[in-house]
Amino acid sequence: MTGRWQGVGQGGAGRWLRRRTVEPLLRFHRDERGEMLEYALVFTAITVPLLFLAERLAEVLADYFSMIAFYVSWPFL
């Protein structure tokens, strides 16, 4: 066998699985300069509050729309 499946048929499935899944995570954790971890932390620090803000704004807009729909439904306005 050649290519990316080399060693899988010879009891190397565990090594192949580790190479494909665990080693990138270990490389990410082992990053000595901290570039990827820093990017992940900054991304998280920005996106999590923005998600809560977007959820709150959606609630406010929904309330505003329901208020306007209620006022428009009055027959004497």
PDB file of N, CA and C in Angstrom:
ATOM      1  N   MET A   1       0.845  -1.187   0.000  1.00  0.00           N
ATOM      2  CA  MET A   1       0.000   0.000   0.000  1.00  0.00           C
ATOM      3  C   MET A   1       0.882   1.239   0.000  1.00  0.00           C
ATOM      4  N   THR A   2       0.424   2.200  -0.705  1.00  0.00           N
ATOM      5  CA  THR A   2       1.168   3.458  -0.740  1.00  0.00           C
ATOM      6  C   THR A   2       0.212   4.598  -0.456  1.00  0.00           C
ATOM      7  N   GLY A   3       0.763   5.761  -0.270  1.00  0.00           N
ATOM      8  CA  GLY A   3      -0.064   6.938  -0.056  1.00  0.00           C
ATOM      9  C   GLY A   3      -0.474   7.094   1.394  1.00  0.00           C
ATOM     10  N   ARG A   4      -1.635   7.665   1.589  1.00  0.00           N
ATOM     11  CA  ARG A   4      -2.049   7.984   2.946  1.00  0.00           C
ATOM     12  C   ARG A   4      -2.523   6.789   3.742  1.00  0.00           C
ATOM     13  N   TRP A   5      -2.795   5.679   3.098  1.00  0.00           N
ATOM     14  CA  TRP A   5      -3.258   4.484   3.805  1.00  0.00           C
ATOM     15  C   TRP A   5      -2.113   3.534   4.113  1.00  0.00           C
ATOM     16  N   GLN A   6      -0.897   3.951   3.898  1.00  0.00           N
ATOM     17  CA  GLN A   6       0.242   3.071   4.120  1.00  0.00           C
ATOM     18  C   GLN A   6       0.337   2.715   5.601  1.00  0.00           C
ATOM     19  N   GLY A   7       0.450   1.454   5.896  1.00  0.00           N
ATOM     20  CA  GLY A   7       0.585   0.986   7.263  1.00  0.00           C
ATOM     21  C   GLY A   7      -0.722   0.700   7.957  1.00  0.00           C
ATOM     22  N   VAL A   8      -1.838   1.015   7.340  1.00  0.00           N
ATOM     23  CA  VAL A   8      -3.123   0.793   7.994  1.00  0.00           C
ATOM     24  C   VAL A   8      -3.450  -0.687   8.038  1.00  0.00           C
ATOM     25  N   GLY A   9      -3.174  -1.397   6.973  1.00  0.00           N
ATOM     26  CA  GLY A   9      -3.512  -2.806   6.924  1.00  0.00           C
ATOM     27  C   GLY A   9      -2.578  -3.692   7.728  1.00  0.00           C
ATOM     28  N   GLN A  10      -1.487  -3.183   8.231  1.00  0.00           N
ATOM     29  CA  GLN A  10      -0.508  -3.992   8.952  1.00  0.00           C
ATOM     30  C   GLN A  10      -0.571  -3.739  10.456  1.00  0.00           C
ATOM     31  N   GLY A  11      -1.746  -3.466  10.972  1.00  0.00           N
ATOM     32  CA  GLY A  11      -1.877  -3.181  12.389  1.00  0.00           C
ATOM     33  C   GLY A  11      -1.509  -1.747  12.719  1.00  0.00           C
ATOM     34  N   GLY A  12      -1.383  -0.926  11.708  1.00  0.00           N
ATOM     35  CA  GLY A  12      -0.996   0.451  11.934  1.00  0.00           C
ATOM     36  C   GLY A  12      -2.170   1.407  11.957  1.00  0.00           C
ATOM     37  N   ALA A  13      -3.368   0.889  12.105  1.00  0.00           N
ATOM     38  CA  ALA A  13      -4.549   1.757  12.118  1.00  0.00           C
ATOM     39  C   ALA A  13      -4.507   2.707  13.306  1.00  0.00           C
ATOM     40  N   GLY A  14      -4.018   2.227  14.422  1.00  0.00           N
ATOM     41  CA  GLY A  14      -3.908   3.085  15.600  1.00  0.00           C
ATOM     42  C   GLY A  14      -2.920   4.209  15.381  1.00  0.00           C
ATOM     43  N   ARG A  15      -1.793   3.871  14.745  1.00  0.00           N
ATOM     44  CA  ARG A  15      -0.801   4.913  14.448  1.00  0.00           C
ATOM     45  C   ARG A  15      -1.354   5.916  13.447  1.00  0.00           C
ATOM     46  N   TRP A  16      -2.066   5.426  12.454  1.00  0.00           N
ATOM     47  CA  TRP A  16      -2.644   6.321  11.456  1.00  0.00           C
ATOM     48  C   TRP A  16      -3.692   7.229  12.093  1.00  0.00           C
ATOM     49  N   LEU A  17      -4.547   6.649  12.945  1.00  0.00           N
ATOM     50  CA  LEU A  17      -5.573   7.441  13.611  1.00  0.00           C
ATOM     51  C   LEU A  17      -4.946   8.483  14.533  1.00  0.00           C
ATOM     52  N   ARG A  18      -3.891   8.083  15.232  1.00  0.00           N
ATOM     53  CA  ARG A  18      -3.211   9.039  16.117  1.00  0.00           C
ATOM     54  C   ARG A  18      -2.575  10.157  15.294  1.00  0.00           C
ATOM     55  N   ARG A  19      -1.967   9.791  14.187  1.00  0.00           N
ATOM     56  CA  ARG A  19      -1.313  10.795  13.354  1.00  0.00           C
ATOM     57  C   ARG A  19      -2.342  11.767  12.776  1.00  0.00           C
ATOM     58  N   ARG A  20      -3.538  11.292  12.465  1.00  0.00           N
ATOM     59  CA  ARG A  20      -4.552  12.143  11.851  1.00  0.00           C
ATOM     60  C   ARG A  20      -5.338  12.975  12.863  1.00  0.00           C
ATOM     61  N   THR A  21      -5.481  12.516  14.103  1.00  0.00           N
ATOM     62  CA  THR A  21      -6.352  13.216  15.045  1.00  0.00           C
ATOM     63  C   THR A  21      -5.613  13.788  16.247  1.00  0.00           C
ATOM     64  N   VAL A  22      -4.804  12.994  16.900  1.00  0.00           N
ATOM     65  CA  VAL A  22      -4.222  13.420  18.175  1.00  0.00           C
ATOM     66  C   VAL A  22      -3.020  14.328  17.970  1.00  0.00           C
ATOM     67  N   GLU A  23      -2.157  14.000  17.038  1.00  0.00           N
ATOM     68  CA  GLU A  23      -0.937  14.784  16.871  1.00  0.00           C
ATOM     69  C   GLU A  23      -1.180  16.244  16.508  1.00  0.00           C
ATOM     70  N   PRO A  24      -2.170  16.586  15.651  1.00  0.00           N
ATOM     71  CA  PRO A  24      -2.421  18.018  15.433  1.00  0.00           C
ATOM     72  C   PRO A  24      -2.851  18.743  16.715  1.00  0.00           C
ATOM     73  N   LEU A  25      -3.617  18.065  17.559  1.00  0.00           N
ATOM     74  CA  LEU A  25      -4.008  18.683  18.829  1.00  0.00           C
ATOM     75  C   LEU A  25      -2.803  18.870  19.743  1.00  0.00           C
ATOM     76  N   LEU A  26      -1.920  17.901  19.754  1.00  0.00           N
ATOM     77  CA  LEU A  26      -0.703  18.030  20.560  1.00  0.00           C
ATOM     78  C   LEU A  26       0.183  19.140  20.027  1.00  0.00           C
ATOM     79  N   ARG A  27       0.270  19.262  18.707  1.00  0.00           N
ATOM     80  CA  ARG A  27       1.045  20.359  18.121  1.00  0.00           C
ATOM     81  C   ARG A  27       0.450  21.705  18.506  1.00  0.00           C
ATOM     82  N   PHE A  28      -0.883  21.781  18.499  1.00  0.00           N
ATOM     83  CA  PHE A  28      -1.559  23.023  18.881  1.00  0.00           C
ATOM     84  C   PHE A  28      -1.262  23.358  20.343  1.00  0.00           C
ATOM     85  N   HIS A  29      -1.291  22.354  21.197  1.00  0.00           N
ATOM     86  CA  HIS A  29      -1.036  22.575  22.619  1.00  0.00           C
ATOM     87  C   HIS A  29       0.436  22.859  22.888  1.00  0.00           C
ATOM     88  N   ARG A  30       1.313  22.316  22.057  1.00  0.00           N
ATOM     89  CA  ARG A  30       2.750  22.419  22.256  1.00  0.00           C
ATOM     90  C   ARG A  30       3.334  23.672  21.598  1.00  0.00           C
ATOM     91  N   ASP A  31       2.513  24.477  20.965  1.00  0.00           N
ATOM     92  CA  ASP A  31       2.979  25.666  20.261  1.00  0.00           C
ATOM     93  C   ASP A  31       3.695  26.587  21.239  1.00  0.00           C
ATOM     94  N   GLU A  32       5.005  26.687  21.104  1.00  0.00           N
ATOM     95  CA  GLU A  32       5.807  27.410  22.091  1.00  0.00           C
ATOM     96  C   GLU A  32       5.675  28.920  21.941  1.00  0.00           C
ATOM     97  N   ARG A  33       5.458  29.401  20.752  1.00  0.00           N
ATOM     98  CA  ARG A  33       5.306  30.840  20.565  1.00  0.00           C
ATOM     99  C   ARG A  33       3.902  31.302  20.933  1.00  0.00           C
ATOM    100  N   GLY A  34       2.968  30.392  21.026  1.00  0.00           N
ATOM    101  CA  GLY A  34       1.619  30.722  21.452  1.00  0.00           C
ATOM    102  C   GLY A  34       0.776  31.413  20.407  1.00  0.00           C
ATOM    103  N   GLU A  35       1.164  31.324  19.159  1.00  0.00           N
ATOM    104  CA  GLU A  35       0.421  32.036  18.122  1.00  0.00           C
ATOM    105  C   GLU A  35      -1.004  31.515  17.968  1.00  0.00           C
ATOM    106  N   MET A  36      -1.139  30.218  17.787  1.00  0.00           N
ATOM    107  CA  MET A  36      -2.476  29.663  17.565  1.00  0.00           C
ATOM    108  C   MET A  36      -3.344  29.800  18.807  1.00  0.00           C
ATOM    109  N   LEU A  37      -2.769  29.560  19.964  1.00  0.00           N
ATOM    110  CA  LEU A  37      -3.533  29.686  21.199  1.00  0.00           C
ATOM    111  C   LEU A  37      -3.963  31.132  21.415  1.00  0.00           C
ATOM    112  N   GLU A  38      -3.085  32.056  21.093  1.00  0.00           N
ATOM    113  CA  GLU A  38      -3.423  33.469  21.223  1.00  0.00           C
ATOM    114  C   GLU A  38      -4.558  33.844  20.274  1.00  0.00           C
ATOM    115  N   TYR A  39      -4.489  33.368  19.038  1.00  0.00           N
ATOM    116  CA  TYR A  39      -5.568  33.636  18.091  1.00  0.00           C
ATOM    117  C   TYR A  39      -6.886  33.045  18.587  1.00  0.00           C
ATOM    118  N   ALA A  40      -6.832  31.831  19.121  1.00  0.00           N
ATOM    119  CA  ALA A  40      -8.052  31.194  19.622  1.00  0.00           C
ATOM    120  C   ALA A  40      -8.633  31.976  20.790  1.00  0.00           C
ATOM    121  N   LEU A  41      -7.803  32.447  21.693  1.00  0.00           N
ATOM    122  CA  LEU A  41      -8.292  33.200  22.842  1.00  0.00           C
ATOM    123  C   LEU A  41      -8.878  34.548  22.417  1.00  0.00           C
ATOM    124  N   VAL A  42      -8.215  35.234  21.498  1.00  0.00           N
ATOM    125  CA  VAL A  42      -8.728  36.518  21.024  1.00  0.00           C
ATOM    126  C   VAL A  42     -10.036  36.315  20.275  1.00  0.00           C
ATOM    127  N   PHE A  43     -10.083  35.294  19.433  1.00  0.00           N
ATOM    128  CA  PHE A  43     -11.312  34.997  18.701  1.00  0.00           C
ATOM    129  C   PHE A  43     -12.456  34.709  19.666  1.00  0.00           C
ATOM    130  N   THR A  44     -12.183  33.923  20.697  1.00  0.00           N
ATOM    131  CA  THR A  44     -13.200  33.591  21.683  1.00  0.00           C
ATOM    132  C   THR A  44     -13.617  34.824  22.479  1.00  0.00           C
ATOM    133  N   ALA A  45     -12.637  35.643  22.857  1.00  0.00           N
ATOM    134  CA  ALA A  45     -12.942  36.836  23.656  1.00  0.00           C
ATOM    135  C   ALA A  45     -13.781  37.837  22.875  1.00  0.00           C
ATOM    136  N   ILE A  46     -13.699  37.814  21.570  1.00  0.00           N
ATOM    137  CA  ILE A  46     -14.489  38.741  20.757  1.00  0.00           C
ATOM    138  C   ILE A  46     -15.834  38.136  20.376  1.00  0.00           C
ATOM    139  N   THR A  47     -15.849  36.887  19.977  1.00  0.00           N
ATOM    140  CA  THR A  47     -17.085  36.308  19.445  1.00  0.00           C
ATOM    141  C   THR A  47     -18.113  35.973  20.512  1.00  0.00           C
ATOM    142  N   VAL A  48     -17.694  35.522  21.680  1.00  0.00           N
ATOM    143  CA  VAL A  48     -18.677  35.139  22.696  1.00  0.00           C
ATOM    144  C   VAL A  48     -19.515  36.342  23.137  1.00  0.00           C
ATOM    145  N   PRO A  49     -18.902  37.490  23.475  1.00  0.00           N
ATOM    146  CA  PRO A  49     -19.758  38.645  23.800  1.00  0.00           C
ATOM    147  C   PRO A  49     -20.608  39.116  22.615  1.00  0.00           C
ATOM    148  N   LEU A  50     -20.066  39.016  21.401  1.00  0.00           N
ATOM    149  CA  LEU A  50     -20.856  39.422  20.239  1.00  0.00           C
ATOM    150  C   LEU A  50     -22.062  38.515  20.029  1.00  0.00           C
ATOM    151  N   LEU A  51     -21.923  37.237  20.333  1.00  0.00           N
ATOM    152  CA  LEU A  51     -23.064  36.330  20.217  1.00  0.00           C
ATOM    153  C   LEU A  51     -24.155  36.696  21.216  1.00  0.00           C
ATOM    154  N   PHE A  52     -23.760  37.003  22.460  1.00  0.00           N
ATOM    155  CA  PHE A  52     -24.751  37.421  23.450  1.00  0.00           C
ATOM    156  C   PHE A  52     -25.400  38.744  23.046  1.00  0.00           C
ATOM    157  N   LEU A  53     -24.615  39.659  22.511  1.00  0.00           N
ATOM    158  CA  LEU A  53     -25.160  40.939  22.058  1.00  0.00           C
ATOM    159  C   LEU A  53     -26.137  40.743  20.898  1.00  0.00           C
ATOM    160  N   ALA A  54     -25.791  39.888  19.962  1.00  0.00           N
ATOM    161  CA  ALA A  54     -26.678  39.623  18.824  1.00  0.00           C
ATOM    162  C   ALA A  54     -27.978  38.983  19.299  1.00  0.00           C
ATOM    163  N   GLU A  55     -27.886  38.089  20.275  1.00  0.00           N
ATOM    164  CA  GLU A  55     -29.103  37.466  20.802  1.00  0.00           C
ATOM    165  C   GLU A  55     -29.992  38.509  21.478  1.00  0.00           C
ATOM    166  N   ARG A  56     -29.388  39.392  22.252  1.00  0.00           N
ATOM    167  CA  ARG A  56     -30.163  40.443  22.926  1.00  0.00           C
ATOM    168  C   ARG A  56     -30.798  41.400  21.909  1.00  0.00           C
ATOM    169  N   LEU A  57     -30.036  41.776  20.879  1.00  0.00           N
ATOM    170  CA  LEU A  57     -30.583  42.662  19.854  1.00  0.00           C
ATOM    171  C   LEU A  57     -31.734  41.999  19.097  1.00  0.00           C
ATOM    172  N   ALA A  58     -31.635  40.712  18.865  1.00  0.00           N
ATOM    173  CA  ALA A  58     -32.727  39.993  18.197  1.00  0.00           C
ATOM    174  C   ALA A  58     -33.983  40.004  19.066  1.00  0.00           C
ATOM    175  N   GLU A  59     -33.814  39.863  20.380  1.00  0.00           N
ATOM    176  CA  GLU A  59     -34.972  39.938  21.275  1.00  0.00           C
ATOM    177  C   GLU A  59     -35.604  41.330  21.245  1.00  0.00           C
ATOM    178  N   VAL A  60     -34.772  42.366  21.261  1.00  0.00           N
ATOM    179  CA  VAL A  60     -35.286  43.733  21.224  1.00  0.00           C
ATOM    180  C   VAL A  60     -36.029  43.992  19.918  1.00  0.00           C
ATOM    181  N   LEU A  61     -35.455  43.557  18.804  1.00  0.00           N
ATOM    182  CA  LEU A  61     -36.125  43.750  17.516  1.00  0.00           C
ATOM    183  C   LEU A  61     -37.432  42.982  17.439  1.00  0.00           C
ATOM    184  N   ALA A  62     -37.456  41.786  17.994  1.00  0.00           N
ATOM    185  CA  ALA A  62     -38.697  41.007  17.985  1.00  0.00           C
ATOM    186  C   ALA A  62     -39.772  41.702  18.820  1.00  0.00           C
ATOM    187  N   ASP A  63     -39.378  42.238  19.973  1.00  0.00           N
ATOM    188  CA  ASP A  63     -40.344  42.976  20.792  1.00  0.00           C
ATOM    189  C   ASP A  63     -40.835  44.227  20.073  1.00  0.00           C
ATOM    190  N   TYR A  64     -39.933  44.933  19.431  1.00  0.00           N
ATOM    191  CA  TYR A  64     -40.315  46.133  18.697  1.00  0.00           C
ATOM    192  C   TYR A  64     -41.266  45.791  17.550  1.00  0.00           C
ATOM    193  N   PHE A  65     -40.962  44.721  16.833  1.00  0.00           N
ATOM    194  CA  PHE A  65     -41.842  44.315  15.730  1.00  0.00           C
ATOM    195  C   PHE A  65     -43.219  43.924  16.248  1.00  0.00           C
ATOM    196  N   SER A  66     -43.282  43.209  17.349  1.00  0.00           N
ATOM    197  CA  SER A  66     -44.589  42.812  17.884  1.00  0.00           C
ATOM    198  C   SER A  66     -45.369  44.030  18.362  1.00  0.00           C
ATOM    199  N   MET A  67     -44.656  45.030  18.925  1.00  0.00           N
ATOM    200  CA  MET A  67     -45.329  46.256  19.345  1.00  0.00           C
ATOM    201  C   MET A  67     -45.923  46.988  18.133  1.00  0.00           C
ATOM    202  N   ILE A  68     -45.141  47.122  17.070  1.00  0.00           N
ATOM    203  CA  ILE A  68     -45.614  47.796  15.866  1.00  0.00           C
ATOM    204  C   ILE A  68     -46.776  47.028  15.238  1.00  0.00           C
ATOM    205  N   ALA A  69     -46.675  45.708  15.201  1.00  0.00           N
ATOM    206  CA  ALA A  69     -47.760  44.897  14.639  1.00  0.00           C
ATOM    207  C   ALA A  69     -49.031  45.054  15.465  1.00  0.00           C
ATOM    208  N   PHE A  70     -48.878  45.190  16.771  1.00  0.00           N
ATOM    209  CA  PHE A  70     -50.049  45.389  17.630  1.00  0.00           C
ATOM    210  C   PHE A  70     -50.703  46.741  17.363  1.00  0.00           C
ATOM    211  N   TYR A  71     -49.886  47.794  17.229  1.00  0.00           N
ATOM    212  CA  TYR A  71     -50.438  49.118  16.960  1.00  0.00           C
ATOM    213  C   TYR A  71     -51.105  49.194  15.590  1.00  0.00           C
ATOM    214  N   VAL A  72     -50.541  48.548  14.614  1.00  0.00           N
ATOM    215  CA  VAL A  72     -51.103  48.581  13.261  1.00  0.00           C
ATOM    216  C   VAL A  72     -52.428  47.831  13.209  1.00  0.00           C
ATOM    217  N   SER A  73     -52.604  46.858  14.072  1.00  0.00           N
ATOM    218  CA  SER A  73     -53.831  46.057  14.044  1.00  0.00           C
ATOM    219  C   SER A  73     -55.021  46.784  14.650  1.00  0.00           C
ATOM    220  N   TRP A  74     -54.810  47.911  15.302  1.00  0.00           N
ATOM    221  CA  TRP A  74     -55.946  48.647  15.863  1.00  0.00           C
ATOM    222  C   TRP A  74     -56.759  49.260  14.724  1.00  0.00           C
ATOM    223  N   PRO A  75     -58.058  49.098  14.748  1.00  0.00           N
ATOM    224  CA  PRO A  75     -58.867  49.591  13.626  1.00  0.00           C
ATOM    225  C   PRO A  75     -59.067  51.109  13.628  1.00  0.00           C
ATOM    226  N   PHE A  76     -58.929  51.770  14.758  1.00  0.00           N
ATOM    227  CA  PHE A  76     -59.242  53.192  14.813  1.00  0.00           C
ATOM    228  C   PHE A  76     -58.011  54.098  14.730  1.00  0.00           C
ATOM    229  N   LEU A  77     -56.845  53.567  14.389  1.00  0.00           N
ATOM    230  CA  LEU A  77     -55.656  54.413  14.238  1.00  0.00           C
ATOM    231  C   LEU A  77     -55.405  54.778  12.824  1.00  0.00           C
TER     232      LEU A  77
END
